[in-house]
């Protein structure tokens, strides 16, 4: 067991083929994945709300619900884009 421990201490990450990850690239990757998921969700809600708007048949409550869904999705999409820009700027400044 002691010889395995000795061998493990002699192996470097680069020599074993394990890539080194920088913290800023990991954070950037996680955040970009979250932004893509939020953007896709917002677009799906816009499409569903548009379908509800088309099939509302002039019912005021259904039209309002559909318009609110579209409006809130667009606002959410704008917030996601703003967050994307801000976090990429901050991570870029911190990372170098």
N, C-alpha and C. Protein backbone atom coordinates (compact mmCIF):
# COMPACT_ATOMS: atom_id res chain seq x y z
N UNK A 1 0.82 -1.18 0.00
CA UNK A 1 0.00 0.00 0.00
C UNK A 1 0.87 1.25 0.00
N UNK A 2 1.97 1.17 0.73
CA UNK A 2 2.85 2.32 0.82
C UNK A 2 3.52 2.59 -0.53
N UNK A 3 3.81 1.55 -1.30
CA UNK A 3 4.42 1.75 -2.61
C UNK A 3 3.44 2.42 -3.58
N UNK A 4 2.14 2.10 -3.46
CA UNK A 4 1.14 2.78 -4.29
C UNK A 4 1.05 4.25 -3.95
N UNK A 5 1.12 4.56 -2.67
CA UNK A 5 1.09 5.94 -2.25
C UNK A 5 2.31 6.68 -2.78
N UNK A 6 3.48 6.03 -2.73
CA UNK A 6 4.71 6.63 -3.24
C UNK A 6 4.60 6.91 -4.73
N UNK A 7 4.04 5.96 -5.48
CA UNK A 7 3.87 6.16 -6.92
C UNK A 7 2.86 7.27 -7.22
N UNK A 8 1.82 7.34 -6.44
CA UNK A 8 0.79 8.36 -6.66
C UNK A 8 1.34 9.75 -6.43
N UNK A 9 2.26 9.90 -5.52
CA UNK A 9 2.83 11.22 -5.25
C UNK A 9 3.81 11.62 -6.35
N UNK A 10 4.34 10.68 -7.10
CA UNK A 10 5.31 10.98 -8.16
C UNK A 10 4.66 11.31 -9.50
N UNK A 11 3.36 11.01 -9.65
CA UNK A 11 2.68 11.26 -10.92
C UNK A 11 2.15 12.68 -10.91
N UNK A 12 2.53 13.43 -11.95
CA UNK A 12 1.98 14.79 -12.08
C UNK A 12 0.73 14.74 -12.94
N UNK A 13 -0.12 15.73 -12.80
CA UNK A 13 -1.38 15.76 -13.55
C UNK A 13 -1.11 15.87 -15.04
N UNK A 14 -0.15 16.69 -15.41
CA UNK A 14 0.17 16.85 -16.83
C UNK A 14 0.77 15.58 -17.43
N UNK A 15 1.56 14.86 -16.66
CA UNK A 15 2.16 13.64 -17.15
C UNK A 15 1.17 12.50 -17.31
N UNK A 16 0.08 12.54 -16.57
CA UNK A 16 -0.93 11.51 -16.65
C UNK A 16 -1.99 11.82 -17.71
N UNK A 17 -1.84 12.96 -18.38
CA UNK A 17 -2.81 13.33 -19.41
C UNK A 17 -4.05 14.01 -18.88
N UNK A 18 -4.03 14.45 -17.63
CA UNK A 18 -5.17 15.15 -17.05
C UNK A 18 -5.01 16.64 -17.34
N UNK A 19 -5.97 17.24 -18.04
CA UNK A 19 -5.82 18.66 -18.35
C UNK A 19 -6.01 19.53 -17.11
N UNK A 20 -5.28 20.63 -17.07
CA UNK A 20 -5.44 21.58 -15.97
C UNK A 20 -6.58 22.52 -16.31
N UNK A 21 -7.44 22.74 -15.35
CA UNK A 21 -8.57 23.64 -15.55
C UNK A 21 -8.36 24.89 -14.72
N UNK A 22 -8.57 26.02 -15.35
CA UNK A 22 -8.51 27.28 -14.64
C UNK A 22 -9.90 27.57 -14.07
N UNK A 23 -9.94 28.24 -12.94
CA UNK A 23 -11.22 28.52 -12.27
C UNK A 23 -12.12 29.38 -13.14
N UNK A 24 -11.54 30.36 -13.85
CA UNK A 24 -12.37 31.24 -14.65
C UNK A 24 -13.00 30.51 -15.83
N UNK A 25 -12.32 29.52 -16.40
CA UNK A 25 -12.91 28.78 -17.51
C UNK A 25 -14.02 27.84 -17.02
N UNK A 26 -13.86 27.29 -15.82
CA UNK A 26 -14.91 26.44 -15.26
C UNK A 26 -16.15 27.27 -14.94
N UNK A 27 -15.96 28.41 -14.30
CA UNK A 27 -17.08 29.29 -13.98
C UNK A 27 -17.76 29.76 -15.25
N UNK A 28 -16.97 30.15 -16.23
CA UNK A 28 -17.52 30.61 -17.50
C UNK A 28 -18.33 29.51 -18.18
N UNK A 29 -17.85 28.29 -18.15
CA UNK A 29 -18.57 27.18 -18.76
C UNK A 29 -19.89 26.87 -18.07
N UNK A 30 -19.88 26.88 -16.75
CA UNK A 30 -21.10 26.61 -15.99
C UNK A 30 -22.13 27.72 -16.23
N UNK A 31 -21.68 28.96 -16.17
CA UNK A 31 -22.60 30.08 -16.38
C UNK A 31 -23.15 30.10 -17.80
N UNK A 32 -22.32 29.83 -18.78
CA UNK A 32 -22.79 29.81 -20.16
C UNK A 32 -23.83 28.71 -20.37
N UNK A 33 -23.64 27.57 -19.74
CA UNK A 33 -24.63 26.50 -19.82
C UNK A 33 -25.95 26.93 -19.20
N UNK A 34 -25.88 27.61 -18.06
CA UNK A 34 -27.10 28.10 -17.40
C UNK A 34 -27.80 29.15 -18.27
N UNK A 35 -27.02 30.02 -18.90
CA UNK A 35 -27.62 31.06 -19.75
C UNK A 35 -28.28 30.45 -20.99
N UNK A 36 -27.65 29.46 -21.55
CA UNK A 36 -28.25 28.80 -22.72
C UNK A 36 -29.56 28.11 -22.33
N UNK A 37 -29.56 27.44 -21.19
CA UNK A 37 -30.79 26.77 -20.73
C UNK A 37 -31.90 27.79 -20.46
N UNK A 38 -31.56 28.91 -19.83
CA UNK A 38 -32.56 29.94 -19.55
C UNK A 38 -33.06 30.57 -20.85
N UNK A 39 -32.17 30.78 -21.80
CA UNK A 39 -32.60 31.34 -23.10
C UNK A 39 -33.52 30.40 -23.84
N UNK A 40 -33.21 29.13 -23.84
CA UNK A 40 -34.07 28.14 -24.51
C UNK A 40 -35.43 28.09 -23.83
N UNK A 41 -35.44 28.13 -22.49
CA UNK A 41 -36.71 28.11 -21.77
C UNK A 41 -37.55 29.34 -22.10
N UNK A 42 -36.91 30.50 -22.19
CA UNK A 42 -37.64 31.73 -22.50
C UNK A 42 -38.24 31.67 -23.91
N UNK A 43 -37.48 31.16 -24.86
CA UNK A 43 -37.99 31.05 -26.23
C UNK A 43 -39.16 30.07 -26.29
N UNK A 44 -39.06 28.97 -25.56
CA UNK A 44 -40.15 28.00 -25.54
C UNK A 44 -41.41 28.63 -24.94
N UNK A 45 -41.26 29.41 -23.87
CA UNK A 45 -42.42 30.06 -23.26
C UNK A 45 -43.02 31.09 -24.22
N UNK A 46 -42.18 31.80 -24.97
CA UNK A 46 -42.68 32.76 -25.97
C UNK A 46 -43.51 32.03 -27.02
N UNK A 47 -43.01 30.91 -27.49
CA UNK A 47 -43.74 30.14 -28.52
C UNK A 47 -45.06 29.62 -27.96
N UNK A 48 -45.04 29.07 -26.76
CA UNK A 48 -46.28 28.55 -26.16
C UNK A 48 -47.28 29.68 -25.92
N UNK A 49 -46.79 30.81 -25.43
CA UNK A 49 -47.70 31.95 -25.20
C UNK A 49 -48.27 32.47 -26.51
N UNK A 50 -47.48 32.45 -27.57
CA UNK A 50 -47.99 32.87 -28.87
C UNK A 50 -49.08 31.93 -29.36
N UNK A 51 -48.91 30.65 -29.13
CA UNK A 51 -49.95 29.68 -29.50
C UNK A 51 -51.21 29.94 -28.69
N UNK A 52 -51.05 30.18 -27.37
CA UNK A 52 -52.21 30.51 -26.55
C UNK A 52 -52.90 31.78 -27.04
N UNK A 53 -52.13 32.76 -27.49
CA UNK A 53 -52.69 34.01 -28.00
C UNK A 53 -53.53 33.75 -29.26
N UNK A 54 -52.99 32.90 -30.13
CA UNK A 54 -53.70 32.61 -31.37
C UNK A 54 -55.00 31.85 -31.11
N UNK A 55 -55.00 30.94 -30.15
CA UNK A 55 -56.20 30.13 -29.90
C UNK A 55 -57.10 30.72 -28.83
N UNK A 56 -56.84 31.95 -28.40
CA UNK A 56 -57.64 32.55 -27.32
C UNK A 56 -59.05 32.92 -27.76
N UNK A 57 -59.29 33.07 -29.04
CA UNK A 57 -60.61 33.37 -29.61
C UNK A 57 -61.22 34.64 -29.01
N UNK A 58 -60.39 35.61 -28.69
CA UNK A 58 -60.88 36.89 -28.22
C UNK A 58 -61.27 36.94 -26.76
N UNK A 59 -61.13 35.86 -26.04
CA UNK A 59 -61.42 35.86 -24.60
C UNK A 59 -60.38 36.73 -23.90
N UNK A 60 -60.86 37.77 -23.21
CA UNK A 60 -59.97 38.78 -22.65
C UNK A 60 -58.98 38.19 -21.64
N UNK A 61 -59.43 37.28 -20.82
CA UNK A 61 -58.52 36.71 -19.81
C UNK A 61 -57.43 35.85 -20.45
N UNK A 62 -57.79 35.11 -21.49
CA UNK A 62 -56.80 34.27 -22.18
C UNK A 62 -55.81 35.13 -22.96
N UNK A 63 -56.31 36.21 -23.57
CA UNK A 63 -55.43 37.12 -24.30
C UNK A 63 -54.46 37.78 -23.34
N UNK A 64 -54.95 38.22 -22.18
CA UNK A 64 -54.07 38.86 -21.19
C UNK A 64 -53.02 37.87 -20.69
N UNK A 65 -53.42 36.64 -20.43
CA UNK A 65 -52.47 35.62 -19.97
C UNK A 65 -51.38 35.38 -21.01
N UNK A 66 -51.78 35.30 -22.27
CA UNK A 66 -50.80 35.06 -23.34
C UNK A 66 -49.88 36.26 -23.51
N UNK A 67 -50.43 37.47 -23.49
CA UNK A 67 -49.59 38.67 -23.63
C UNK A 67 -48.62 38.81 -22.45
N UNK A 68 -49.10 38.52 -21.24
CA UNK A 68 -48.22 38.57 -20.08
C UNK A 68 -47.10 37.54 -20.18
N UNK A 69 -47.42 36.35 -20.66
CA UNK A 69 -46.39 35.32 -20.84
C UNK A 69 -45.32 35.76 -21.83
N UNK A 70 -45.74 36.38 -22.93
CA UNK A 70 -44.78 36.86 -23.92
C UNK A 70 -43.94 37.99 -23.33
N UNK A 71 -44.60 38.92 -22.66
CA UNK A 71 -43.88 40.06 -22.07
C UNK A 71 -42.86 39.60 -21.03
N UNK A 72 -43.28 38.75 -20.13
CA UNK A 72 -42.38 38.28 -19.07
C UNK A 72 -41.23 37.45 -19.63
N UNK A 73 -41.50 36.70 -20.68
CA UNK A 73 -40.43 35.92 -21.30
C UNK A 73 -39.40 36.81 -21.98
N UNK A 74 -39.87 37.86 -22.62
CA UNK A 74 -38.95 38.80 -23.27
C UNK A 74 -38.11 39.53 -22.23
N UNK A 75 -38.75 39.93 -21.13
CA UNK A 75 -38.00 40.59 -20.05
C UNK A 75 -36.98 39.61 -19.46
N UNK A 76 -37.38 38.37 -19.25
CA UNK A 76 -36.45 37.37 -18.74
C UNK A 76 -35.29 37.12 -19.69
N UNK A 77 -35.57 37.10 -20.98
CA UNK A 77 -34.52 36.92 -21.97
C UNK A 77 -33.55 38.10 -21.95
N UNK A 78 -34.07 39.31 -21.78
CA UNK A 78 -33.20 40.49 -21.69
C UNK A 78 -32.33 40.43 -20.43
N UNK A 79 -32.90 39.97 -19.32
CA UNK A 79 -32.13 39.84 -18.08
C UNK A 79 -31.02 38.79 -18.24
N UNK A 80 -31.34 37.69 -18.89
CA UNK A 80 -30.33 36.65 -19.12
C UNK A 80 -29.20 37.18 -19.99
N UNK A 81 -29.54 37.92 -21.04
CA UNK A 81 -28.50 38.48 -21.91
C UNK A 81 -27.63 39.50 -21.16
N UNK A 82 -28.26 40.32 -20.33
CA UNK A 82 -27.51 41.29 -19.54
C UNK A 82 -26.59 40.58 -18.55
N UNK A 83 -27.09 39.54 -17.91
CA UNK A 83 -26.27 38.76 -16.98
C UNK A 83 -25.11 38.10 -17.70
N UNK A 84 -25.35 37.61 -18.92
CA UNK A 84 -24.29 37.00 -19.72
C UNK A 84 -23.18 38.01 -19.99
N UNK A 85 -23.56 39.19 -20.42
CA UNK A 85 -22.57 40.22 -20.73
C UNK A 85 -21.79 40.63 -19.48
N UNK A 86 -22.51 40.86 -18.39
CA UNK A 86 -21.84 41.30 -17.16
C UNK A 86 -20.90 40.24 -16.59
N UNK A 87 -21.35 39.00 -16.54
CA UNK A 87 -20.48 37.97 -15.95
C UNK A 87 -19.28 37.67 -16.84
N UNK A 88 -19.46 37.70 -18.15
CA UNK A 88 -18.31 37.50 -19.03
C UNK A 88 -17.32 38.65 -18.90
N UNK A 89 -17.80 39.85 -18.71
CA UNK A 89 -16.91 40.99 -18.50
C UNK A 89 -16.14 40.84 -17.19
N UNK A 90 -16.84 40.49 -16.11
CA UNK A 90 -16.20 40.37 -14.80
C UNK A 90 -15.21 39.19 -14.80
N UNK A 91 -15.62 38.07 -15.33
CA UNK A 91 -14.72 36.91 -15.36
C UNK A 91 -13.51 37.20 -16.26
N UNK A 92 -13.73 37.92 -17.34
CA UNK A 92 -12.61 38.30 -18.21
C UNK A 92 -11.63 39.23 -17.53
N UNK A 93 -12.14 40.14 -16.72
CA UNK A 93 -11.27 41.07 -16.00
C UNK A 93 -10.50 40.36 -14.88
N UNK A 94 -11.17 39.42 -14.22
CA UNK A 94 -10.52 38.70 -13.13
C UNK A 94 -9.49 37.71 -13.67
N UNK A 95 -9.89 37.02 -14.76
CA UNK A 95 -9.05 35.98 -15.33
C UNK A 95 -7.77 36.50 -15.97
N UNK A 96 -7.75 37.74 -16.34
CA UNK A 96 -6.50 38.24 -16.91
C UNK A 96 -6.73 38.95 -18.14
